[in-house]
Amino acid sequence: MSGPSDDDEGGDCVIRFPQSRTRPGPAEPARNLGLTPLSRAVGSSGRAAKGHWCSRCRGIWYSYFLEAECPVCGNRQG
């Protein structure tokens, strides 16, 4: 009777989850997409703003408010 650990002697095996939404690829740093126009109008430095991920731009944009739209491409899906 052979088990899954019989094939790999070291026991270090990576099992990929089929439902994962990310693909392994080159690790590139996220782009800084800046503040939204509304947050810029407030005139603060962006220090307490919350970051949001944009999958199209592959970067992070910041806002003080509950905005959901990337200021660069208009993506609302994250």
Protein backbone atom coordinates (compact mmCIF):
# COMPACT_ATOMS: atom_id res chain seq x y z
CA MET A 1 0.00 0.00 0.00
CA SER A 2 1.58 3.25 -1.07
CA GLY A 3 0.63 6.63 0.34
CA PRO A 4 1.20 10.13 -1.00
CA SER A 5 4.33 10.55 1.13
CA ASP A 6 6.01 7.50 -0.46
CA ASP A 7 6.68 9.42 -3.69
CA ASP A 8 8.54 12.29 -2.10
CA GLU A 9 11.21 11.37 0.37
CA GLY A 10 11.77 14.83 1.86
CA GLY A 11 8.13 15.43 2.72
CA ASP A 12 8.28 18.95 1.28
CA CYS A 13 5.47 18.98 -1.24
CA VAL A 14 3.44 21.96 -2.44
CA ILE A 15 -0.22 21.24 -3.04
CA ARG A 16 -1.92 23.92 -5.12
CA PHE A 17 -5.52 24.72 -4.36
CA PRO A 18 -7.74 24.54 -7.47
CA GLN A 19 -9.90 27.45 -6.33
CA SER A 20 -6.97 29.85 -5.97
CA ARG A 21 -7.46 33.08 -7.95
CA THR A 22 -3.79 33.93 -8.11
CA ARG A 23 -1.31 32.44 -10.53
CA PRO A 24 2.31 31.93 -9.66
CA GLY A 25 4.44 34.32 -11.61
CA PRO A 26 7.23 36.82 -11.28
CA ALA A 27 6.98 38.74 -8.03
CA GLU A 28 6.83 42.33 -9.17
CA PRO A 29 6.21 45.16 -6.72
CA ALA A 30 2.75 46.74 -6.64
CA ARG A 31 2.43 50.13 -8.32
CA ASN A 32 1.43 53.15 -6.25
CA LEU A 33 -1.66 54.53 -8.00
CA GLY A 34 -2.01 57.47 -5.62
CA LEU A 35 -5.00 59.14 -3.99
CA THR A 36 -8.46 59.43 -5.51
CA PRO A 37 -9.55 62.88 -6.72
CA LEU A 38 -11.95 63.25 -3.78
CA SER A 39 -9.19 62.44 -1.28
CA ARG A 40 -6.83 64.87 -3.04
CA ALA A 41 -9.49 67.59 -2.78
CA VAL A 42 -9.47 67.20 1.00
CA GLY A 43 -5.82 68.20 0.81
CA SER A 44 -4.25 65.76 3.23
CA SER A 45 -0.98 63.95 2.74
CA GLY A 46 -2.54 60.50 2.40
CA ARG A 47 -1.11 59.30 5.66
CA ALA A 48 -4.33 57.83 7.12
CA ALA A 49 -5.89 56.75 3.83
CA LYS A 50 -6.86 53.12 3.27
CA GLY A 51 -5.33 51.17 0.42
CA HIS A 52 -7.35 49.27 -2.18
CA TRP A 53 -6.03 46.75 -4.73
CA CYS A 54 -6.71 47.18 -8.46
CA SER A 55 -6.21 43.94 -10.37
CA ARG A 56 -6.19 45.66 -13.79
CA CYS A 57 -3.50 48.19 -12.92
CA ARG A 58 -1.76 45.73 -10.57
CA GLY A 59 -1.35 48.46 -7.99
CA ILE A 60 -2.72 50.03 -4.83
CA TRP A 61 -4.79 53.21 -4.72
CA TYR A 62 -5.68 55.14 -1.58
CA SER A 63 -8.80 56.86 -0.27
CA TYR A 64 -10.14 58.38 2.94
CA PHE A 65 -13.71 57.61 1.95
CA LEU A 66 -15.74 54.54 0.97
CA GLU A 67 -14.90 54.84 -2.71
CA ALA A 68 -14.83 51.69 -4.83
CA GLU A 69 -13.44 52.90 -8.17
CA CYS A 70 -9.78 52.85 -9.18
CA PRO A 71 -8.73 56.44 -10.02
CA VAL A 72 -6.56 55.25 -12.93
CA CYS A 73 -8.71 52.77 -14.89
CA GLY A 74 -12.16 52.97 -13.26
CA ASN A 75 -12.21 49.30 -12.24
CA ARG A 76 -14.75 48.57 -9.49
CA GLN A 77 -14.07 44.82 -9.15
CA GLY A 78 -10.92 44.90 -7.00
